[in-house]
Amino acid sequence: MSKVLVLNASYEPLNTCSWRRAVVLVLKGKADQLECENRIIYASQYMPTVIRLRNFVKIPYKEINLSRKNVLHRDNYTCQYCGVHRKDLTVDHIIPKSKGGKDTWDNVITACLKCNVTKGNKTPKEANMPLRISPRRPISHIEFEISKFVTTYKPAWSKYIGSNELFM
């Protein structure tokens, strides 16, 4: 099933929906089609990829859970010490738990097994292994969730959704 990016009236990413739901919103005059595929569904209606709602929808703030999956996504599956890009990374505590380090967004990063073992029970400064980017909590729950689909669904979405650098 083809997904469509739904933008708020202010052009902020809101969610995704099916292409059928997107067409219904456009036909009812509740949304405008901004991007489409070069594929006609019927008559002169092209397959939508991005729509924008005409009325603003207020979004409640939602915390992003700290999980291995979310840390890997935030760091773009890249070791924050050597820069290797792969799927089988570990999660490393910048300040080790044995030295009082906590499970927080600004204390965990992704690391390859080699770098994680090399760093061991030291801080990056003690191990002489500087971080490539200082970690921080992702800014927006909606953009964080939708950015997971940018490469797997529609490249056209990337101009409406910030890159992973927004989250680090």
N, C-alpha and C. Protein backbone atom coordinates (compact mmCIF):
# COMPACT_ATOMS: atom_id res chain seq x y z
N MET A 1 0.85 -1.19 0.00
CA MET A 1 0.00 0.00 0.00
C MET A 1 0.88 1.24 0.00
N SER A 2 0.62 2.16 -0.87
CA SER A 2 1.39 3.38 -0.99
C SER A 2 1.00 4.38 0.09
N LYS A 3 2.00 4.92 0.77
CA LYS A 3 1.76 5.90 1.82
C LYS A 3 1.88 7.32 1.28
N VAL A 4 1.13 8.22 1.90
CA VAL A 4 1.14 9.64 1.52
C VAL A 4 1.49 10.44 2.76
N LEU A 5 2.39 11.40 2.61
CA LEU A 5 2.76 12.28 3.71
C LEU A 5 1.70 13.36 3.85
N VAL A 6 1.20 13.55 5.07
CA VAL A 6 0.19 14.57 5.34
C VAL A 6 0.86 15.70 6.10
N LEU A 7 0.78 16.90 5.55
CA LEU A 7 1.34 18.10 6.19
C LEU A 7 0.22 18.93 6.80
N ASN A 8 0.55 19.60 7.89
CA ASN A 8 -0.39 20.53 8.50
C ASN A 8 -0.51 21.75 7.60
N ALA A 9 -1.42 22.63 7.90
CA ALA A 9 -1.60 23.85 7.10
C ALA A 9 -0.32 24.69 7.11
N SER A 10 0.50 24.51 8.15
CA SER A 10 1.76 25.25 8.28
C SER A 10 2.94 24.52 7.63
N TYR A 11 2.66 23.49 6.86
CA TYR A 11 3.65 22.68 6.16
C TYR A 11 4.50 21.80 7.09
N GLU A 12 4.09 21.61 8.33
CA GLU A 12 4.78 20.71 9.23
C GLU A 12 4.26 19.30 9.02
N PRO A 13 5.13 18.29 9.03
CA PRO A 13 4.66 16.91 8.89
C PRO A 13 3.69 16.56 10.02
N LEU A 14 2.60 15.92 9.67
CA LEU A 14 1.57 15.57 10.65
C LEU A 14 1.49 14.06 10.82
N ASN A 15 1.38 13.33 9.73
CA ASN A 15 1.34 11.87 9.76
C ASN A 15 1.41 11.33 8.34
N THR A 16 1.15 10.04 8.21
CA THR A 16 1.03 9.44 6.89
C THR A 16 -0.35 8.80 6.80
N CYS A 17 -0.81 8.61 5.59
CA CYS A 17 -2.09 7.94 5.38
C CYS A 17 -2.02 7.17 4.07
N SER A 18 -3.05 6.39 3.78
CA SER A 18 -3.09 5.66 2.52
C SER A 18 -3.37 6.63 1.37
N TRP A 19 -3.04 6.21 0.17
CA TRP A 19 -3.29 7.09 -0.98
C TRP A 19 -4.79 7.29 -1.18
N ARG A 20 -5.59 6.31 -0.83
CA ARG A 20 -7.05 6.45 -0.98
C ARG A 20 -7.60 7.53 -0.05
N ARG A 21 -7.13 7.50 1.21
CA ARG A 21 -7.57 8.52 2.17
C ARG A 21 -7.13 9.91 1.70
N ALA A 22 -5.92 10.00 1.16
CA ALA A 22 -5.41 11.28 0.67
C ALA A 22 -6.26 11.81 -0.48
N VAL A 23 -6.66 10.93 -1.40
CA VAL A 23 -7.50 11.35 -2.53
C VAL A 23 -8.85 11.85 -2.02
N VAL A 24 -9.42 11.16 -1.04
CA VAL A 24 -10.70 11.59 -0.47
C VAL A 24 -10.57 12.98 0.15
N LEU A 25 -9.49 13.22 0.90
CA LEU A 25 -9.28 14.54 1.51
C LEU A 25 -9.15 15.64 0.45
N VAL A 26 -8.47 15.33 -0.64
CA VAL A 26 -8.30 16.31 -1.72
C VAL A 26 -9.63 16.56 -2.42
N LEU A 27 -10.36 15.51 -2.74
CA LEU A 27 -11.63 15.65 -3.45
C LEU A 27 -12.69 16.38 -2.60
N LYS A 28 -12.65 16.21 -1.28
CA LYS A 28 -13.59 16.89 -0.39
C LYS A 28 -13.16 18.34 -0.10
N GLY A 29 -12.01 18.74 -0.62
CA GLY A 29 -11.55 20.11 -0.42
C GLY A 29 -10.92 20.36 0.94
N LYS A 30 -10.57 19.29 1.64
CA LYS A 30 -9.96 19.43 2.96
C LYS A 30 -8.44 19.49 2.90
N ALA A 31 -7.87 19.16 1.73
CA ALA A 31 -6.42 19.16 1.56
C ALA A 31 -6.07 19.53 0.12
N ASP A 32 -4.84 19.98 -0.04
CA ASP A 32 -4.29 20.28 -1.37
C ASP A 32 -3.19 19.28 -1.67
N GLN A 33 -3.14 18.83 -2.90
CA GLN A 33 -2.09 17.90 -3.31
C GLN A 33 -0.85 18.70 -3.70
N LEU A 34 0.29 18.43 -3.02
CA LEU A 34 1.52 19.16 -3.30
C LEU A 34 2.48 18.39 -4.20
N GLU A 35 2.54 17.08 -4.00
CA GLU A 35 3.43 16.23 -4.79
C GLU A 35 2.64 15.01 -5.25
N CYS A 36 3.01 14.50 -6.41
CA CYS A 36 2.33 13.29 -6.91
C CYS A 36 3.28 12.48 -7.78
N GLU A 37 2.91 11.21 -7.95
CA GLU A 37 3.64 10.33 -8.84
C GLU A 37 3.11 10.55 -10.25
N ASN A 38 3.87 10.15 -11.23
CA ASN A 38 3.45 10.29 -12.62
C ASN A 38 2.57 9.10 -13.00
N ARG A 39 1.54 8.87 -12.19
CA ARG A 39 0.64 7.73 -12.39
C ARG A 39 -0.79 8.20 -12.15
N ILE A 40 -1.63 8.05 -13.15
CA ILE A 40 -3.02 8.48 -13.03
C ILE A 40 -3.84 7.39 -12.36
N ILE A 41 -4.64 7.78 -11.35
CA ILE A 41 -5.52 6.85 -10.65
C ILE A 41 -6.81 6.73 -11.44
N TYR A 42 -7.43 7.86 -11.72
CA TYR A 42 -8.63 7.92 -12.57
C TYR A 42 -8.79 9.34 -13.06
N ALA A 43 -9.49 9.50 -14.16
CA ALA A 43 -9.70 10.82 -14.80
C ALA A 43 -8.37 11.57 -14.84
N SER A 44 -8.31 12.74 -14.21
CA SER A 44 -7.07 13.52 -14.20
C SER A 44 -6.44 13.54 -12.81
N GLN A 45 -6.80 12.59 -11.97
CA GLN A 45 -6.27 12.51 -10.60
C GLN A 45 -5.01 11.65 -10.58
N TYR A 46 -3.88 12.29 -10.23
CA TYR A 46 -2.62 11.56 -10.13
C TYR A 46 -2.46 10.98 -8.73
N MET A 47 -1.64 9.95 -8.60
CA MET A 47 -1.36 9.31 -7.32
C MET A 47 -0.62 10.29 -6.42
N PRO A 48 -1.23 10.72 -5.31
CA PRO A 48 -0.57 11.70 -4.43
C PRO A 48 0.57 11.08 -3.62
N THR A 49 1.58 11.89 -3.30
CA THR A 49 2.65 11.47 -2.40
C THR A 49 2.75 12.41 -1.21
N VAL A 50 2.34 13.69 -1.40
CA VAL A 50 2.33 14.67 -0.31
C VAL A 50 1.08 15.53 -0.45
N ILE A 51 0.34 15.66 0.68
CA ILE A 51 -0.81 16.57 0.70
C ILE A 51 -0.67 17.51 1.89
N ARG A 52 -1.34 18.67 1.80
CA ARG A 52 -1.33 19.64 2.90
C ARG A 52 -2.76 19.95 3.28
N LEU A 53 -3.06 19.81 4.58
CA LEU A 53 -4.40 20.14 5.06
C LEU A 53 -4.65 21.63 4.94
N ARG A 54 -5.88 22.01 4.65
CA ARG A 54 -6.22 23.43 4.52
C ARG A 54 -6.43 24.10 5.86
N ASN A 55 -6.87 23.34 6.87
CA ASN A 55 -7.07 23.88 8.22
C ASN A 55 -5.98 23.36 9.15
N PHE A 56 -5.51 24.22 10.04
CA PHE A 56 -4.45 23.88 10.98
C PHE A 56 -4.96 22.91 12.04
N VAL A 57 -4.16 21.89 12.34
CA VAL A 57 -4.49 20.91 13.38
C VAL A 57 -3.46 21.04 14.49
N LYS A 58 -3.92 21.28 15.73
CA LYS A 58 -3.01 21.42 16.86
C LYS A 58 -2.50 20.03 17.25
N ILE A 59 -1.18 19.91 17.41
CA ILE A 59 -0.56 18.63 17.73
C ILE A 59 -0.10 18.64 19.19
N PRO A 60 -0.55 17.68 19.99
CA PRO A 60 -0.06 17.62 21.37
C PRO A 60 1.39 17.14 21.41
N TYR A 61 2.16 17.65 22.36
CA TYR A 61 3.55 17.26 22.50
C TYR A 61 3.62 15.82 23.02
N LYS A 62 4.51 15.03 22.46
CA LYS A 62 4.67 13.64 22.89
C LYS A 62 6.15 13.32 23.01
N GLU A 63 6.53 12.76 24.14
CA GLU A 63 7.92 12.36 24.37
C GLU A 63 8.29 11.18 23.47
N ILE A 64 9.54 11.14 23.04
CA ILE A 64 10.05 10.01 22.27
C ILE A 64 10.74 9.08 23.26
N ASN A 65 10.33 7.83 23.28
CA ASN A 65 10.91 6.85 24.20
C ASN A 65 12.37 6.60 23.86
N LEU A 66 13.18 6.48 24.91
CA LEU A 66 14.58 6.11 24.73
C LEU A 66 14.63 4.59 24.57
N SER A 67 14.96 4.14 23.37
CA SER A 67 15.08 2.70 23.10
C SER A 67 16.25 2.50 22.15
N ARG A 68 16.73 1.28 22.08
CA ARG A 68 17.84 0.96 21.19
C ARG A 68 17.48 1.32 19.75
N LYS A 69 16.28 0.94 19.33
CA LYS A 69 15.81 1.21 17.97
C LYS A 69 15.80 2.72 17.68
N ASN A 70 15.31 3.53 18.63
CA ASN A 70 15.25 4.97 18.41
C ASN A 70 16.64 5.62 18.44
N VAL A 71 17.56 5.10 19.27
CA VAL A 71 18.93 5.63 19.29
C VAL A 71 19.62 5.31 17.96
N LEU A 72 19.44 4.09 17.46
CA LEU A 72 20.02 3.73 16.16
C LEU A 72 19.48 4.63 15.05
N HIS A 73 18.18 4.89 15.08
CA HIS A 73 17.59 5.76 14.06
C HIS A 73 18.11 7.19 14.20
N ARG A 74 18.15 7.70 15.43
CA ARG A 74 18.64 9.07 15.64
C ARG A 74 20.05 9.23 15.10
N ASP A 75 20.91 8.22 15.34
CA ASP A 75 22.31 8.30 14.92
C ASP A 75 22.53 7.78 13.49
N ASN A 76 21.42 7.52 12.79
CA ASN A 76 21.47 7.10 11.39
C ASN A 76 22.31 5.84 11.19
N TYR A 77 22.24 4.91 12.13
CA TYR A 77 22.97 3.63 12.05
C TYR A 77 24.44 3.85 11.74
N THR A 78 25.03 4.85 12.42
CA THR A 78 26.43 5.19 12.20
C THR A 78 27.17 5.20 13.53
N CYS A 79 28.36 4.57 13.57
CA CYS A 79 29.18 4.58 14.77
C CYS A 79 29.61 6.02 15.03
N GLN A 80 29.38 6.50 16.22
CA GLN A 80 29.69 7.90 16.54
C GLN A 80 31.16 8.12 16.88
N TYR A 81 31.97 7.05 16.83
CA TYR A 81 33.41 7.16 17.04
C TYR A 81 34.16 7.09 15.72
N CYS A 82 33.91 6.05 14.91
CA CYS A 82 34.68 5.87 13.67
C CYS A 82 33.90 6.22 12.41
N GLY A 83 32.58 6.33 12.49
CA GLY A 83 31.77 6.74 11.35
C GLY A 83 31.30 5.61 10.45
N VAL A 84 31.56 4.36 10.82
CA VAL A 84 31.11 3.24 9.99
C VAL A 84 29.58 3.17 10.03
N HIS A 85 28.99 2.90 8.87
CA HIS A 85 27.53 2.84 8.73
C HIS A 85 27.12 1.39 8.55
N ARG A 86 26.37 0.85 9.54
CA ARG A 86 25.93 -0.54 9.46
C ARG A 86 24.73 -0.76 10.37
N LYS A 87 24.08 -1.91 10.20
CA LYS A 87 22.87 -2.21 10.97
C LYS A 87 23.14 -2.89 12.31
N ASP A 88 24.30 -3.55 12.47
CA ASP A 88 24.57 -4.32 13.70
C ASP A 88 25.43 -3.54 14.70
N LEU A 89 24.99 -2.34 15.06
CA LEU A 89 25.72 -1.52 16.01
C LEU A 89 25.24 -1.78 17.44
N THR A 90 26.07 -1.37 18.39
CA THR A 90 25.69 -1.47 19.79
C THR A 90 25.35 -0.07 20.30
N VAL A 91 24.74 -0.02 21.48
CA VAL A 91 24.46 1.27 22.12
C VAL A 91 25.48 1.43 23.23
N ASP A 92 26.20 2.56 23.22
CA ASP A 92 27.26 2.81 24.18
C ASP A 92 26.90 3.99 25.07
N HIS A 93 27.25 3.89 26.35
CA HIS A 93 27.07 5.01 27.27
C HIS A 93 28.32 5.88 27.22
N ILE A 94 28.17 7.17 26.96
CA ILE A 94 29.31 8.07 26.88
C ILE A 94 30.01 8.10 28.24
N ILE A 95 29.26 8.37 29.29
CA ILE A 95 29.78 8.21 30.65
C ILE A 95 29.29 6.83 31.10
N PRO A 96 30.20 5.88 31.28
CA PRO A 96 29.79 4.51 31.61
C PRO A 96 28.90 4.45 32.86
N LYS A 97 28.02 3.47 32.87
CA LYS A 97 27.12 3.30 34.02
C LYS A 97 27.91 3.11 35.31
N SER A 98 29.07 2.45 35.21
CA SER A 98 29.90 2.22 36.41
C SER A 98 30.46 3.51 36.99
N LYS A 99 30.46 4.58 36.18
CA LYS A 99 30.94 5.89 36.64
C LYS A 99 29.79 6.86 36.85
N GLY A 100 28.57 6.32 36.96
CA GLY A 100 27.40 7.16 37.24
C GLY A 100 26.62 7.61 36.02
N GLY A 101 26.96 7.10 34.86
CA GLY A 101 26.25 7.46 33.64
C GLY A 101 24.82 6.95 33.66
N LYS A 102 23.92 7.72 33.14
CA LYS A 102 22.49 7.38 33.13
C LYS A 102 22.03 6.98 31.73
N ASP A 103 20.84 6.35 31.69
CA ASP A 103 20.19 6.04 30.43
C ASP A 103 19.40 7.26 29.98
N THR A 104 20.06 8.21 29.33
CA THR A 104 19.42 9.42 28.84
C THR A 104 19.84 9.65 27.39
N TRP A 105 19.04 10.43 26.67
CA TRP A 105 19.33 10.71 25.25
C TRP A 105 20.71 11.32 25.05
N ASP A 106 21.16 12.16 26.00
CA ASP A 106 22.45 12.82 25.81
C ASP A 106 23.63 12.01 26.35
N ASN A 107 23.38 10.77 26.83
CA ASN A 107 24.46 9.92 27.31
C ASN A 107 24.59 8.61 26.53
N VAL A 108 23.73 8.36 25.57
CA VAL A 108 23.84 7.13 24.79
C VAL A 108 24.02 7.45 23.31
N ILE A 109 24.86 6.65 22.68
CA ILE A 109 25.14 6.81 21.24
C ILE A 109 25.30 5.43 20.63
N THR A 110 25.36 5.36 19.31
CA THR A 110 25.62 4.09 18.65
C THR A 110 27.12 3.95 18.41
N ALA A 111 27.59 2.71 18.55
CA ALA A 111 29.01 2.42 18.34
C ALA A 111 29.15 1.03 17.74
N CYS A 112 30.14 0.87 16.88
CA CYS A 112 30.42 -0.47 16.36
C CYS A 112 31.06 -1.27 17.50
N LEU A 113 31.03 -2.56 17.38
CA LEU A 113 31.55 -3.44 18.44
C LEU A 113 33.02 -3.16 18.71
N LYS A 114 33.80 -2.94 17.66
CA LYS A 114 35.24 -2.68 17.82
C LYS A 114 35.48 -1.41 18.66
N CYS A 115 34.78 -0.33 18.33
CA CYS A 115 34.96 0.92 19.07
C CYS A 115 34.43 0.81 20.50
N ASN A 116 33.33 0.09 20.67
CA ASN A 116 32.75 -0.07 22.00
C ASN A 116 33.71 -0.83 22.91
N VAL A 117 34.34 -1.89 22.38
CA VAL A 117 35.31 -2.67 23.16
C VAL A 117 36.57 -1.84 23.43
N THR A 118 37.03 -1.09 22.41
CA THR A 118 38.22 -0.25 22.57
C THR A 118 38.00 0.82 23.64
N LYS A 119 36.84 1.45 23.63
CA LYS A 119 36.53 2.48 24.63
C LYS A 119 36.40 1.87 26.01
N GLY A 120 35.76 0.71 26.07
CA GLY A 120 35.63 0.00 27.34
C GLY A 120 34.91 0.81 28.41
N ASN A 121 35.47 0.81 29.59
CA ASN A 121 34.87 1.46 30.77
C ASN A 121 35.45 2.85 30.99
N LYS A 122 35.67 3.58 29.90
CA LYS A 122 36.26 4.92 29.97
C LYS A 122 35.31 5.93 29.33
N THR A 123 35.57 7.18 29.58
CA THR A 123 34.84 8.23 28.86
C THR A 123 35.54 8.41 27.52
N PRO A 124 34.90 9.04 26.55
CA PRO A 124 35.57 9.25 25.26
C PRO A 124 36.89 10.03 25.39
N LYS A 125 36.94 10.97 26.33
CA LYS A 125 38.16 11.75 26.53
C LYS A 125 39.28 10.87 27.08
N GLU A 126 38.95 10.02 28.07
CA GLU A 126 39.95 9.12 28.65
C GLU A 126 40.45 8.11 27.61
N ALA A 127 39.59 7.68 26.73
CA ALA A 127 39.95 6.70 25.69
C ALA A 127 40.53 7.37 24.45
N ASN A 128 40.58 8.70 24.43
CA ASN A 128 41.05 9.47 23.27
C ASN A 128 40.25 9.10 22.02
N MET A 129 38.92 9.05 22.19
CA MET A 129 38.00 8.72 21.10
C MET A 129 36.91 9.79 21.04
N PRO A 130 37.16 10.90 20.36
CA PRO A 130 36.15 11.97 20.32
C PRO A 130 34.89 11.55 19.56
N LEU A 131 33.76 12.08 20.00
CA LEU A 131 32.49 11.82 19.34
C LEU A 131 32.39 12.65 18.07
N ARG A 132 31.76 12.09 17.06
CA ARG A 132 31.56 12.81 15.80
C ARG A 132 30.52 13.91 15.97
N ILE A 133 29.45 13.62 16.72
CA ILE A 133 28.37 14.57 16.95
C ILE A 133 27.91 14.43 18.40
N SER A 134 27.63 15.53 19.07
CA SER A 134 27.11 15.47 20.44
C SER A 134 25.65 15.02 20.39
N PRO A 135 25.32 13.97 21.14
CA PRO A 135 23.95 13.46 21.10
C PRO A 135 22.98 14.34 21.87
N ARG A 136 21.72 14.33 21.45
CA ARG A 136 20.67 15.04 22.18
C ARG A 136 19.31 14.40 21.86
N ARG A 137 18.34 14.77 22.64
CA ARG A 137 16.99 14.25 22.48
C ARG A 137 16.43 14.70 21.13
N PRO A 138 15.76 13.81 20.40
CA PRO A 138 15.12 14.23 19.15
C PRO A 138 14.10 15.34 19.42
N ILE A 139 14.00 16.27 18.49
CA ILE A 139 13.18 17.46 18.67
C ILE A 139 11.68 17.19 18.56
N SER A 140 11.26 16.58 17.49
CA SER A 140 9.84 16.41 17.21
C SER A 140 9.48 14.94 17.08
N HIS A 141 8.49 14.49 17.82
CA HIS A 141 8.04 13.11 17.74
C HIS A 141 7.54 12.78 16.33
N ILE A 142 6.77 13.65 15.76
CA ILE A 142 6.19 13.40 14.44
C ILE A 142 7.26 13.33 13.37
N GLU A 143 8.16 14.32 13.34
CA GLU A 143 9.23 14.29 12.33
C GLU A 143 10.13 13.08 12.54
N PHE A 144 10.39 12.73 13.80
CA PHE A 144 11.24 11.57 14.10
C PHE A 144 10.61 10.29 13.55
N GLU A 145 9.33 10.10 13.78
CA GLU A 145 8.64 8.89 13.31
C GLU A 145 8.54 8.87 11.78
N ILE A 146 8.18 10.00 11.19
CA ILE A 146 8.02 10.04 9.73
C ILE A 146 9.36 9.93 9.01
N SER A 147 10.43 10.46 9.62
CA SER A 147 11.74 10.39 8.96
C SER A 147 12.19 8.95 8.76
N LYS A 148 11.63 8.00 9.51
CA LYS A 148 11.97 6.59 9.31
C LYS A 148 11.52 6.11 7.93
N PHE A 149 10.53 6.80 7.34
CA PHE A 149 9.99 6.39 6.04
C PHE A 149 10.61 7.12 4.86
N VAL A 150 11.43 8.15 5.10
CA VAL A 150 11.93 8.98 4.01
C VAL A 150 12.66 8.16 2.95
N THR A 151 13.55 7.28 3.35
CA THR A 151 14.29 6.51 2.37
C THR A 151 13.52 5.29 1.89
N THR A 152 12.65 4.74 2.74
CA THR A 152 11.96 3.51 2.36
C THR A 152 10.70 3.78 1.54
N TYR A 153 10.12 4.95 1.61
CA TYR A 153 8.89 5.21 0.87
C TYR A 153 9.09 6.22 -0.25
N LYS A 154 9.16 7.47 0.07
CA LYS A 154 9.17 8.49 -0.98
C LYS A 154 10.33 9.47 -0.81
N PRO A 155 11.24 9.55 -1.78
CA PRO A 155 12.31 10.54 -1.70
C PRO A 155 11.76 11.97 -1.71
N ALA A 156 10.58 12.19 -2.31
CA ALA A 156 9.99 13.52 -2.38
C ALA A 156 9.65 14.06 -1.00
N TRP A 157 9.49 13.18 -0.02
CA TRP A 157 9.15 13.62 1.34
C TRP A 157 10.30 14.39 2.00
N SER A 158 11.54 14.12 1.59
CA SER A 158 12.70 14.68 2.29
C SER A 158 12.72 16.21 2.30
N LYS A 159 12.10 16.86 1.33
CA LYS A 159 12.11 18.33 1.38
C LYS A 159 11.11 18.89 2.38
N TYR A 160 10.18 18.04 2.87
CA TYR A 160 9.21 18.46 3.88
C TYR A 160 9.58 17.96 5.28
N ILE A 161 10.47 16.98 5.33
CA ILE A 161 10.90 16.40 6.60
C ILE A 161 12.38 16.68 6.73
N GLY A 162 12.78 17.18 7.92
CA GLY A 162 14.19 17.45 8.16
C GLY A 162 15.01 16.18 8.09
N SER A 163 16.28 16.32 7.77
CA SER A 163 17.18 15.16 7.73
C SER A 163 17.46 14.69 9.15
N ASN A 164 18.16 13.58 9.29
CA ASN A 164 18.48 13.05 10.60
C ASN A 164 19.32 14.01 11.43
N GLU A 165 20.00 14.96 10.79
CA GLU A 165 20.79 15.93 11.52
C GLU A 165 19.94 16.78 12.44
N LEU A 166 18.64 16.90 12.15
CA LEU A 166 17.75 17.63 13.03
C LEU A 166 17.58 16.94 14.37
N PHE A 167 17.82 15.65 14.41
CA PHE A 167 17.55 14.87 15.59
C PHE A 167 18.78 14.67 16.45
N MET A 168 19.94 15.08 15.98
CA MET A 168 21.15 14.83 16.75
C MET A 168 21.70 16.11 17.32
